[in-house]
Structure formats: C-alpha cells, structure tokens
Amino acid sequence: MDLIRLVSSLRAGGIIWCNVRGKGTRHFISEFVQPHSYMVQRLALDLWPADRTQLGFSTVKRFLDWIVEKIRYKYDVEIHKQTDFWQFPWETLILKTGDCEDTTFLTQSVLEALGFNSRGVLGIVNVNGEKYRHAWVEIEVDGYTRVIETTYEDPGADYISFLRPSFYEPVFFFNSKSCVYVGPEVVDAYSDLLGFKPRWPKQLPETHKCILIEMHRCKSRRGISAEEIKEAWKKKIEGRDRETN
C-alpha cells in the first residue's frame, strides 16, 4: 500500500474521508467494509452452514486458507495503473487479485457478516529500519485477540498470531460503521505518510488529538459519540489547568 491520501477536517465534525480511487473521488474508510453486500453474504454461506453457533478459530483458518488459494497478491499499479487504488470487496472477489488493504477489506467484511468481533487496521510495518504502509485484521476469537495477516501466499504459513508483532504499528482501527485514530502520537508521527499535516489548535490540543473519529453519523464501536469524547477531554484539560494555576 503506497501513499494514502487522507484528508481530514476536525472542524467539519470529525469526519475523515479518503481519495484512493482516482482523482476527485471521496470515500469514507468504513465504506470499504461491506458485510451486507450480496457477494460477501454469498461467500459466507458457501463456506459455512447457516448454523453460526460453532464459529471459532477453525472457521477463521478455513477462510484464510481460501484467501491464500483464491486471491493473488498484486500491486495496485499492476492492476489499476496508479500507485494506490482501494478495491471494494466485490471487486477483489471478481478480479481475484488485490494487495494488503484489499484483502483486509474483504476479510473484515466476511468476518463481520459471520458475526465475529473483529476490526480492520491501517498502519505501517517497520522492517530493517524502513517503514512501509500496511493493512491487517485483528479479531477476538476463542477468548483471545489475534492478528490476521492476509497477504501470505503459502497455505501452510502461520498467518494468525496471538499478539500483534512489535513491528506492526496501527494508525487507524475501522469496521463497517466507524473509524478510530489509534492515538495522537501516532497521527503526528506518521502524518507525512497519511498525506496531511494535522493542525492542532493551540488551546486544548489533547481534546482534538484524542477525538474519536465518527464515520457518517455512526457511533463508535464502543458506542461513544465524538461529542462525548470531546466534552470528556475538555473537562480533563480544564481540571488540569486549574490545578496548574
């Protein structure tokens, strides 16, 4: 995944959108997760029976084996003639090719369709001192939170780990309803990779840096609105300022 051109305006209500399908296009990150689309639902039904009570680690492993077998990894420039082009899940299923964010969107869509508690992650990996943009999935299954790597091409590879590897650095968590900044230090540190430089107000910087990004008037995955987050931080900062003065 090359340069992600994300444009954000906290003053416009904390909604973040991305330009990743050609000049002049705008999409919310969560739009790329489509658990209710026909092709995603059909895939879920084809791979698993209607009874979802027995879903667990083996179910996830079976789907990832399917991804490795059916979806070939290709860079966007090979398919779409541009450095970064995000595919919708149905496009990945039709083309049978995609890179890390494409298989992440598809995997997150299918896991949501099946009822798993999971989230997609946009971030970077640090390999031998070099930083690369990347995407993966994190899921709670069988009592553990596991990291899913969707780009391996070997069916026998260990692409499900119990812990997030130390060289994986998240920037955004997202699902079909919402998208969340991981933290202010991450956004500041990688703003050059995200294609914009956050301009934090001089007053109450923590309020804005720690804001929860709401997607298209949806509440966060924790059920807390952006306004509630802002008010909580205002009270915290105001209280700290009173103690300082």
C-alpha atoms as a PDB file:
ATOM      1  CA  MET A   1       0.000   0.000   0.000  1.00  0.00           C
ATOM      2  CA  ASP A   2       1.607   3.245  -1.140  1.00  0.00           C
ATOM      3  CA  LEU A   3       0.864   6.820  -0.028  1.00  0.00           C
ATOM      4  CA  ILE A   4      -2.604   7.007   1.495  1.00  0.00           C
ATOM      5  CA  ARG A   5      -4.090  10.377   0.619  1.00  0.00           C
ATOM      6  CA  LEU A   6      -6.350  11.074   3.540  1.00  0.00           C
ATOM      7  CA  VAL A   7      -7.946  14.464   4.053  1.00  0.00           C
ATOM      8  CA  SER A   8      -9.333  15.311   7.488  1.00  0.00           C
ATOM      9  CA  SER A   9     -11.191  18.277   8.941  1.00  0.00           C
ATOM     10  CA  LEU A  10     -11.870  18.227  12.665  1.00  0.00           C
ATOM     11  CA  ARG A  11     -13.807  21.471  12.284  1.00  0.00           C
ATOM     12  CA  ALA A  12     -16.199  19.709   9.906  1.00  0.00           C
ATOM     13  CA  GLY A  13     -17.395  17.357  12.623  1.00  0.00           C
ATOM     14  CA  GLY A  14     -14.512  14.905  12.795  1.00  0.00           C
ATOM     15  CA  ILE A  15     -15.423  13.052   9.601  1.00  0.00           C
ATOM     16  CA  ILE A  16     -12.460  11.648   7.713  1.00  0.00           C
ATOM     17  CA  TRP A  17     -12.554  10.686   4.064  1.00  0.00           C
ATOM     18  CA  CYS A  18     -10.016   9.344   1.608  1.00  0.00           C
ATOM     19  CA  ASN A  19      -9.113   9.855  -2.032  1.00  0.00           C
ATOM     20  CA  VAL A  20      -7.962   6.396  -3.081  1.00  0.00           C
ATOM     21  CA  ARG A  21      -9.955   5.559  -6.227  1.00  0.00           C
ATOM     22  CA  GLY A  22      -8.779   8.201  -8.643  1.00  0.00           C
ATOM     23  CA  LYS A  23      -8.825  11.960  -8.866  1.00  0.00           C
ATOM     24  CA  GLY A  24     -11.907  13.660  -7.493  1.00  0.00           C
ATOM     25  CA  THR A  25     -13.332  10.629  -5.651  1.00  0.00           C
ATOM     26  CA  ARG A  26     -14.231  10.698  -1.978  1.00  0.00           C
ATOM     27  CA  HIS A  27     -14.993   7.710   0.220  1.00  0.00           C
ATOM     28  CA  PHE A  28     -15.217   7.097   3.947  1.00  0.00           C
ATOM     29  CA  ILE A  29     -12.806   4.383   5.088  1.00  0.00           C
ATOM     30  CA  SER A  30     -15.677   2.332   6.502  1.00  0.00           C
ATOM     31  CA  GLU A  31     -17.368   2.256   3.094  1.00  0.00           C
ATOM     32  CA  PHE A  32     -14.835  -0.359   2.009  1.00  0.00           C
ATOM     33  CA  VAL A  33     -16.122  -2.844   4.604  1.00  0.00           C
ATOM     34  CA  GLN A  34     -19.357  -4.315   3.222  1.00  0.00           C
ATOM     35  CA  PRO A  35     -20.640  -7.250   5.314  1.00  0.00           C
ATOM     36  CA  HIS A  36     -24.146  -6.949   3.847  1.00  0.00           C
ATOM     37  CA  SER A  37     -23.186  -6.986   0.173  1.00  0.00           C
ATOM     38  CA  TYR A  38     -24.546  -9.845  -1.902  1.00  0.00           C
ATOM     39  CA  MET A  39     -21.175 -11.336  -2.851  1.00  0.00           C
ATOM     40  CA  VAL A  40     -19.853 -11.238   0.720  1.00  0.00           C
ATOM     41  CA  GLN A  41     -23.023 -12.846   2.071  1.00  0.00           C
ATOM     42  CA  ARG A  42     -22.902 -15.484  -0.665  1.00  0.00           C
ATOM     43  CA  LEU A  43     -19.277 -16.275   0.137  1.00  0.00           C
ATOM     44  CA  ALA A  44     -20.086 -16.657   3.833  1.00  0.00           C
ATOM     45  CA  LEU A  45     -22.983 -19.005   3.056  1.00  0.00           C
ATOM     46  CA  ASP A  46     -20.923 -21.035   0.581  1.00  0.00           C
ATOM     47  CA  LEU A  47     -18.084 -21.535   3.041  1.00  0.00           C
ATOM     48  CA  TRP A  48     -20.107 -22.187   6.190  1.00  0.00           C
ATOM     49  CA  PRO A  49     -23.532 -23.609   7.062  1.00  0.00           C
ATOM     50  CA  ALA A  50     -26.359 -21.425   8.299  1.00  0.00           C
ATOM     51  CA  ASP A  51     -25.733 -22.527  11.903  1.00  0.00           C
ATOM     52  CA  ARG A  52     -23.199 -19.986  13.183  1.00  0.00           C
ATOM     53  CA  THR A  53     -23.080 -21.263  16.772  1.00  0.00           C
ATOM     54  CA  GLN A  54     -19.893 -23.266  16.199  1.00  0.00           C
ATOM     55  CA  LEU A  55     -17.794 -20.477  14.707  1.00  0.00           C
ATOM     56  CA  GLY A  56     -14.266 -20.295  16.103  1.00  0.00           C
ATOM     57  CA  PHE A  57     -10.585 -20.389  15.257  1.00  0.00           C
ATOM     58  CA  SER A  58     -11.009 -23.220  12.754  1.00  0.00           C
ATOM     59  CA  THR A  59     -13.573 -21.155  10.864  1.00  0.00           C
ATOM     60  CA  VAL A  60     -11.193 -18.216  10.554  1.00  0.00           C
ATOM     61  CA  LYS A  61      -8.355 -20.508   9.468  1.00  0.00           C
ATOM     62  CA  ARG A  62     -10.567 -22.070   6.801  1.00  0.00           C
ATOM     63  CA  PHE A  63     -11.422 -18.676   5.343  1.00  0.00           C
ATOM     64  CA  LEU A  64      -7.776 -17.539   5.308  1.00  0.00           C
ATOM     65  CA  ASP A  65      -6.804 -20.735   3.503  1.00  0.00           C
ATOM     66  CA  TRP A  66      -9.458 -19.793   0.944  1.00  0.00           C
ATOM     67  CA  ILE A  67      -7.985 -16.272   0.617  1.00  0.00           C
ATOM     68  CA  VAL A  68      -4.485 -17.671   0.051  1.00  0.00           C
ATOM     69  CA  GLU A  69      -5.764 -20.106  -2.577  1.00  0.00           C
ATOM     70  CA  LYS A  70      -8.121 -17.801  -4.487  1.00  0.00           C
ATOM     71  CA  ILE A  71      -6.760 -14.228  -4.209  1.00  0.00           C
ATOM     72  CA  ARG A  72      -3.396 -13.394  -5.792  1.00  0.00           C
ATOM     73  CA  TYR A  73      -1.327 -10.551  -4.366  1.00  0.00           C
ATOM     74  CA  LYS A  74      -0.684  -7.797  -6.913  1.00  0.00           C
ATOM     75  CA  TYR A  75       0.303  -4.171  -6.515  1.00  0.00           C
ATOM     76  CA  ASP A  76      -2.242  -1.542  -7.495  1.00  0.00           C
ATOM     77  CA  VAL A  77      -0.031  -0.177 -10.250  1.00  0.00           C
ATOM     78  CA  GLU A  78      -0.187  -3.578 -11.983  1.00  0.00           C
ATOM     79  CA  ILE A  79      -3.985  -3.680 -11.959  1.00  0.00           C
ATOM     80  CA  HIS A  80      -5.177  -0.080 -11.921  1.00  0.00           C
ATOM     81  CA  LYS A  81      -2.139   1.802 -13.268  1.00  0.00           C
ATOM     82  CA  GLN A  82      -1.889   4.000 -10.168  1.00  0.00           C
ATOM     83  CA  THR A  83       0.146   3.657  -7.001  1.00  0.00           C
ATOM     84  CA  ASP A  84      -2.795   3.271  -4.647  1.00  0.00           C
ATOM     85  CA  PHE A  85      -6.326   2.154  -5.532  1.00  0.00           C
ATOM     86  CA  TRP A  86      -8.591   0.680  -2.881  1.00  0.00           C
ATOM     87  CA  GLN A  87     -10.916  -2.059  -4.108  1.00  0.00           C
ATOM     88  CA  PHE A  88     -14.330  -2.838  -2.703  1.00  0.00           C
ATOM     89  CA  PRO A  89     -14.763  -6.473  -1.563  1.00  0.00           C
ATOM     90  CA  TRP A  90     -16.847  -7.390  -4.611  1.00  0.00           C
ATOM     91  CA  GLU A  91     -14.097  -6.094  -6.901  1.00  0.00           C
ATOM     92  CA  THR A  92     -11.491  -8.209  -5.129  1.00  0.00           C
ATOM     93  CA  LEU A  93     -13.720 -11.269  -5.486  1.00  0.00           C
ATOM     94  CA  ILE A  94     -14.251 -10.648  -9.206  1.00  0.00           C
ATOM     95  CA  LEU A  95     -10.642  -9.742 -10.039  1.00  0.00           C
ATOM     96  CA  LYS A  96      -9.244 -12.435  -7.707  1.00  0.00           C
ATOM     97  CA  THR A  97      -6.302 -10.109  -7.060  1.00  0.00           C
ATOM     98  CA  GLY A  98      -5.511  -7.358  -4.584  1.00  0.00           C
ATOM     99  CA  ASP A  99      -2.949  -6.024  -2.147  1.00  0.00           C
ATOM    100  CA  CYS A 100      -2.971  -5.731   1.640  1.00  0.00           C
ATOM    101  CA  GLU A 101      -5.832  -3.256   2.088  1.00  0.00           C
ATOM    102  CA  ASP A 102      -7.992  -5.058  -0.495  1.00  0.00           C
ATOM    103  CA  THR A 103      -7.731  -8.435   1.249  1.00  0.00           C
ATOM    104  CA  THR A 104      -8.134  -6.701   4.617  1.00  0.00           C
ATOM    105  CA  PHE A 105     -11.410  -5.081   3.498  1.00  0.00           C
ATOM    106  CA  LEU A 106     -12.642  -8.439   2.182  1.00  0.00           C
ATOM    107  CA  THR A 107     -11.608 -10.347   5.309  1.00  0.00           C
ATOM    108  CA  GLN A 108     -13.159  -7.795   7.663  1.00  0.00           C
ATOM    109  CA  SER A 109     -16.372  -7.835   5.602  1.00  0.00           C
ATOM    110  CA  VAL A 110     -16.687 -11.624   5.769  1.00  0.00           C
ATOM    111  CA  LEU A 111     -15.847 -11.791   9.482  1.00  0.00           C
ATOM    112  CA  GLU A 112     -18.470  -9.136  10.239  1.00  0.00           C
ATOM    113  CA  ALA A 113     -21.002 -10.991   8.101  1.00  0.00           C
ATOM    114  CA  LEU A 114     -20.356 -14.100  10.185  1.00  0.00           C
ATOM    115  CA  GLY A 115     -20.738 -12.201  13.450  1.00  0.00           C
ATOM    116  CA  PHE A 116     -17.130 -12.141  14.654  1.00  0.00           C
ATOM    117  CA  ASN A 117     -15.831  -9.305  16.823  1.00  0.00           C
ATOM    118  CA  SER A 118     -13.082  -8.006  14.560  1.00  0.00           C
ATOM    119  CA  ARG A 119     -11.587  -4.810  13.185  1.00  0.00           C
ATOM    120  CA  GLY A 120      -9.516  -3.789  10.208  1.00  0.00           C
ATOM    121  CA  VAL A 121      -6.273  -1.929  10.806  1.00  0.00           C
ATOM    122  CA  LEU A 122      -4.444   0.589   8.617  1.00  0.00           C
ATOM    123  CA  GLY A 123      -0.889   1.118   9.804  1.00  0.00           C
ATOM    124  CA  ILE A 124       2.741   0.618   8.982  1.00  0.00           C
ATOM    125  CA  VAL A 125       5.318  -2.117   9.482  1.00  0.00           C
ATOM    126  CA  ASN A 126       8.902  -1.416  10.451  1.00  0.00           C
ATOM    127  CA  VAL A 127      11.253  -3.794   8.631  1.00  0.00           C
ATOM    128  CA  ASN A 128      15.014  -3.348   8.989  1.00  0.00           C
ATOM    129  CA  GLY A 129      14.543   0.301   9.877  1.00  0.00           C
ATOM    130  CA  GLU A 130      12.306   1.036   6.877  1.00  0.00           C
ATOM    131  CA  LYS A 131       8.615   1.925   7.300  1.00  0.00           C
ATOM    132  CA  TYR A 132       6.020   0.528   4.892  1.00  0.00           C
ATOM    133  CA  ARG A 133       2.277   1.150   4.761  1.00  0.00           C
ATOM    134  CA  HIS A 134       0.268  -1.950   5.537  1.00  0.00           C
ATOM    135  CA  ALA A 135      -3.177  -3.261   6.470  1.00  0.00           C
ATOM    136  CA  TRP A 136      -4.288  -6.268   8.508  1.00  0.00           C
ATOM    137  CA  VAL A 137      -7.171  -7.579  10.656  1.00  0.00           C
ATOM    138  CA  GLU A 138      -7.443  -8.136  14.412  1.00  0.00           C
ATOM    139  CA  ILE A 139     -10.094 -10.481  15.802  1.00  0.00           C
ATOM    140  CA  GLU A 140     -11.360 -11.761  19.142  1.00  0.00           C
ATOM    141  CA  VAL A 141     -11.932 -15.496  18.846  1.00  0.00           C
ATOM    142  CA  ASP A 142     -11.912 -18.363  21.354  1.00  0.00           C
ATOM    143  CA  GLY A 143     -11.155 -15.894  24.140  1.00  0.00           C
ATOM    144  CA  TYR A 144      -8.077 -14.349  22.523  1.00  0.00           C
ATOM    145  CA  THR A 145      -7.333 -11.312  20.376  1.00  0.00           C
ATOM    146  CA  ARG A 146      -5.416 -12.451  17.320  1.00  0.00           C
ATOM    147  CA  VAL A 147      -3.729 -10.666  14.441  1.00  0.00           C
ATOM    148  CA  ILE A 148      -4.549 -11.863  10.925  1.00  0.00           C
ATOM    149  CA  GLU A 149      -2.068 -11.309   8.088  1.00  0.00           C
ATOM    150  CA  THR A 150      -3.968 -11.554   4.796  1.00  0.00           C
ATOM    151  CA  THR A 151      -1.102 -11.267   2.298  1.00  0.00           C
ATOM    152  CA  TYR A 152       0.770 -14.551   2.734  1.00  0.00           C
ATOM    153  CA  GLU A 153       0.756 -16.820  -0.304  1.00  0.00           C
ATOM    154  CA  ASP A 154       1.682 -20.061   1.449  1.00  0.00           C
ATOM    155  CA  PRO A 155      -1.348 -22.043   2.739  1.00  0.00           C
ATOM    156  CA  GLY A 156       0.870 -23.541   5.426  1.00  0.00           C
ATOM    157  CA  ALA A 157       2.077 -20.181   6.715  1.00  0.00           C
ATOM    158  CA  ASP A 158       1.364 -19.053  10.262  1.00  0.00           C
ATOM    159  CA  TYR A 159      -0.756 -16.032   9.338  1.00  0.00           C
ATOM    160  CA  ILE A 160      -2.677 -15.892  12.618  1.00  0.00           C
ATOM    161  CA  SER A 161      -0.722 -14.764  15.686  1.00  0.00           C
ATOM    162  CA  PHE A 162      -1.795 -14.353  19.308  1.00  0.00           C
ATOM    163  CA  LEU A 163      -0.106 -10.977  19.765  1.00  0.00           C
ATOM    164  CA  ARG A 164       0.397  -8.005  17.481  1.00  0.00           C
ATOM    165  CA  PRO A 165       4.044  -8.184  16.314  1.00  0.00           C
ATOM    166  CA  SER A 166       6.136  -5.338  17.698  1.00  0.00           C
ATOM    167  CA  PHE A 167       6.965  -4.083  14.205  1.00  0.00           C
ATOM    168  CA  TYR A 168       3.251  -3.609  13.372  1.00  0.00           C
ATOM    169  CA  GLU A 169       2.249  -0.020  14.208  1.00  0.00           C
ATOM    170  CA  PRO A 170      -1.503   0.749  13.898  1.00  0.00           C
ATOM    171  CA  VAL A 171      -2.705   4.145  12.703  1.00  0.00           C
ATOM    172  CA  PHE A 172      -6.460   3.554  12.274  1.00  0.00           C
ATOM    173  CA  PHE A 173      -8.889   0.909  13.529  1.00  0.00           C
ATOM    174  CA  PHE A 174     -12.065   0.532  11.484  1.00  0.00           C
ATOM    175  CA  ASN A 175     -15.101  -1.609  10.742  1.00  0.00           C
ATOM    176  CA  SER A 176     -18.212  -1.116   8.603  1.00  0.00           C
ATOM    177  CA  LYS A 177     -19.563   1.565  10.938  1.00  0.00           C
ATOM    178  CA  SER A 178     -16.681   3.580  12.318  1.00  0.00           C
ATOM    179  CA  CYS A 179     -13.018   4.504  12.157  1.00  0.00           C
ATOM    180  CA  VAL A 180     -10.798   5.472  15.100  1.00  0.00           C
ATOM    181  CA  TYR A 181      -7.401   7.141  15.384  1.00  0.00           C
ATOM    182  CA  VAL A 182      -5.113   4.949  17.462  1.00  0.00           C
ATOM    183  CA  GLY A 183      -3.608   7.930  19.284  1.00  0.00           C
ATOM    184  CA  PRO A 184      -2.298  11.458  18.864  1.00  0.00           C
ATOM    185  CA  GLU A 185       1.363  10.499  18.904  1.00  0.00           C
ATOM    186  CA  VAL A 186       0.785   8.067  16.041  1.00  0.00           C
ATOM    187  CA  VAL A 187      -1.081  10.580  13.915  1.00  0.00           C
ATOM    188  CA  ASP A 188       1.620  13.210  14.446  1.00  0.00           C
ATOM    189  CA  ALA A 189       4.481  10.793  13.835  1.00  0.00           C
ATOM    190  CA  TYR A 190       3.037   9.449  10.587  1.00  0.00           C
ATOM    191  CA  SER A 191       1.195  12.480   9.253  1.00  0.00           C
ATOM    192  CA  ASP A 192       3.577  12.620   6.296  1.00  0.00           C
ATOM    193  CA  LEU A 193       2.543   9.090   5.346  1.00  0.00           C
ATOM    194  CA  LEU A 194      -1.135   9.968   5.622  1.00  0.00           C
ATOM    195  CA  GLY A 195      -0.891  12.829   3.182  1.00  0.00           C
ATOM    196  CA  PHE A 196      -1.908  15.629   5.545  1.00  0.00           C
ATOM    197  CA  LYS A 197      -0.392  17.552   8.422  1.00  0.00           C
ATOM    198  CA  PRO A 198      -2.769  17.888  11.376  1.00  0.00           C
ATOM    199  CA  ARG A 199      -3.115  21.485  12.515  1.00  0.00           C
ATOM    200  CA  TRP A 200      -3.940  21.197  16.178  1.00  0.00           C
ATOM    201  CA  PRO A 201      -5.412  24.293  17.873  1.00  0.00           C
ATOM    202  CA  LYS A 202      -3.181  25.903  20.493  1.00  0.00           C
ATOM    203  CA  GLN A 203      -5.885  25.520  23.120  1.00  0.00           C
ATOM    204  CA  LEU A 204      -6.917  22.105  24.402  1.00  0.00           C
ATOM    205  CA  PRO A 205      -4.696  20.128  21.996  1.00  0.00           C
ATOM    206  CA  GLU A 206      -5.385  16.821  23.753  1.00  0.00           C
ATOM    207  CA  THR A 207      -9.084  17.337  23.212  1.00  0.00           C
ATOM    208  CA  HIS A 208      -8.639  17.279  19.465  1.00  0.00           C
ATOM    209  CA  LYS A 209      -5.803  14.786  19.251  1.00  0.00           C
ATOM    210  CA  CYS A 210      -7.689  12.143  21.201  1.00  0.00           C
ATOM    211  CA  ILE A 211     -11.002  12.695  19.463  1.00  0.00           C
ATOM    212  CA  LEU A 212     -12.846   9.629  18.247  1.00  0.00           C
ATOM    213  CA  ILE A 213     -13.468   9.858  14.502  1.00  0.00           C
ATOM    214  CA  GLU A 214     -17.088   9.121  13.678  1.00  0.00           C
ATOM    215  CA  MET A 215     -17.971   7.762  10.287  1.00  0.00           C
ATOM    216  CA  HIS A 216     -21.067   9.093   8.537  1.00  0.00           C
ATOM    217  CA  ARG A 217     -23.010   9.837  11.734  1.00  0.00           C
ATOM    218  CA  CYS A 218     -22.391   6.337  13.109  1.00  0.00           C
ATOM    219  CA  LYS A 219     -21.356   5.797  16.693  1.00  0.00           C
ATOM    220  CA  SER A 220     -18.039   4.264  17.551  1.00  0.00           C
ATOM    221  CA  ARG A 221     -17.577   0.562  18.088  1.00  0.00           C
ATOM    222  CA  ARG A 222     -17.745   1.361  21.819  1.00  0.00           C
ATOM    223  CA  GLY A 223     -20.975   3.289  21.447  1.00  0.00           C
ATOM    224  CA  ILE A 224     -19.468   6.658  22.397  1.00  0.00           C
ATOM    225  CA  SER A 225     -20.003   9.665  20.162  1.00  0.00           C
ATOM    226  CA  ALA A 226     -17.300  12.101  19.121  1.00  0.00           C
ATOM    227  CA  GLU A 227     -19.024  14.928  21.013  1.00  0.00           C
ATOM    228  CA  GLU A 228     -18.978  12.903  24.232  1.00  0.00           C
ATOM    229  CA  ILE A 229     -15.264  12.260  23.767  1.00  0.00           C
ATOM    230  CA  LYS A 230     -14.564  15.960  23.191  1.00  0.00           C
ATOM    231  CA  GLU A 231     -16.537  17.014  26.267  1.00  0.00           C
ATOM    232  CA  ALA A 232     -14.740  14.461  28.436  1.00  0.00           C
ATOM    233  CA  TRP A 233     -11.361  15.727  27.304  1.00  0.00           C
ATOM    234  CA  LYS A 234     -12.375  19.363  27.792  1.00  0.00           C
ATOM    235  CA  LYS A 235     -13.251  18.626  31.408  1.00  0.00           C
ATOM    236  CA  LYS A 236      -9.976  16.773  31.898  1.00  0.00           C
ATOM    237  CA  ILE A 237      -7.846  19.567  30.437  1.00  0.00           C
ATOM    238  CA  GLU A 238      -9.767  22.312  32.221  1.00  0.00           C
ATOM    239  CA  GLY A 239      -9.319  20.478  35.513  1.00  0.00           C
ATOM    240  CA  ARG A 240      -5.595  20.050  34.889  1.00  0.00           C
ATOM    241  CA  ASP A 241      -5.230  23.759  34.015  1.00  0.00           C
ATOM    242  CA  ARG A 242      -6.966  24.770  37.255  1.00  0.00           C
ATOM    243  CA  GLU A 243      -4.571  22.590  39.244  1.00  0.00           C
ATOM    244  CA  THR A 244      -1.591  24.102  37.404  1.00  0.00           C
ATOM    245  CA  ASN A 245      -2.723  27.668  38.018  1.00  0.00           C
END
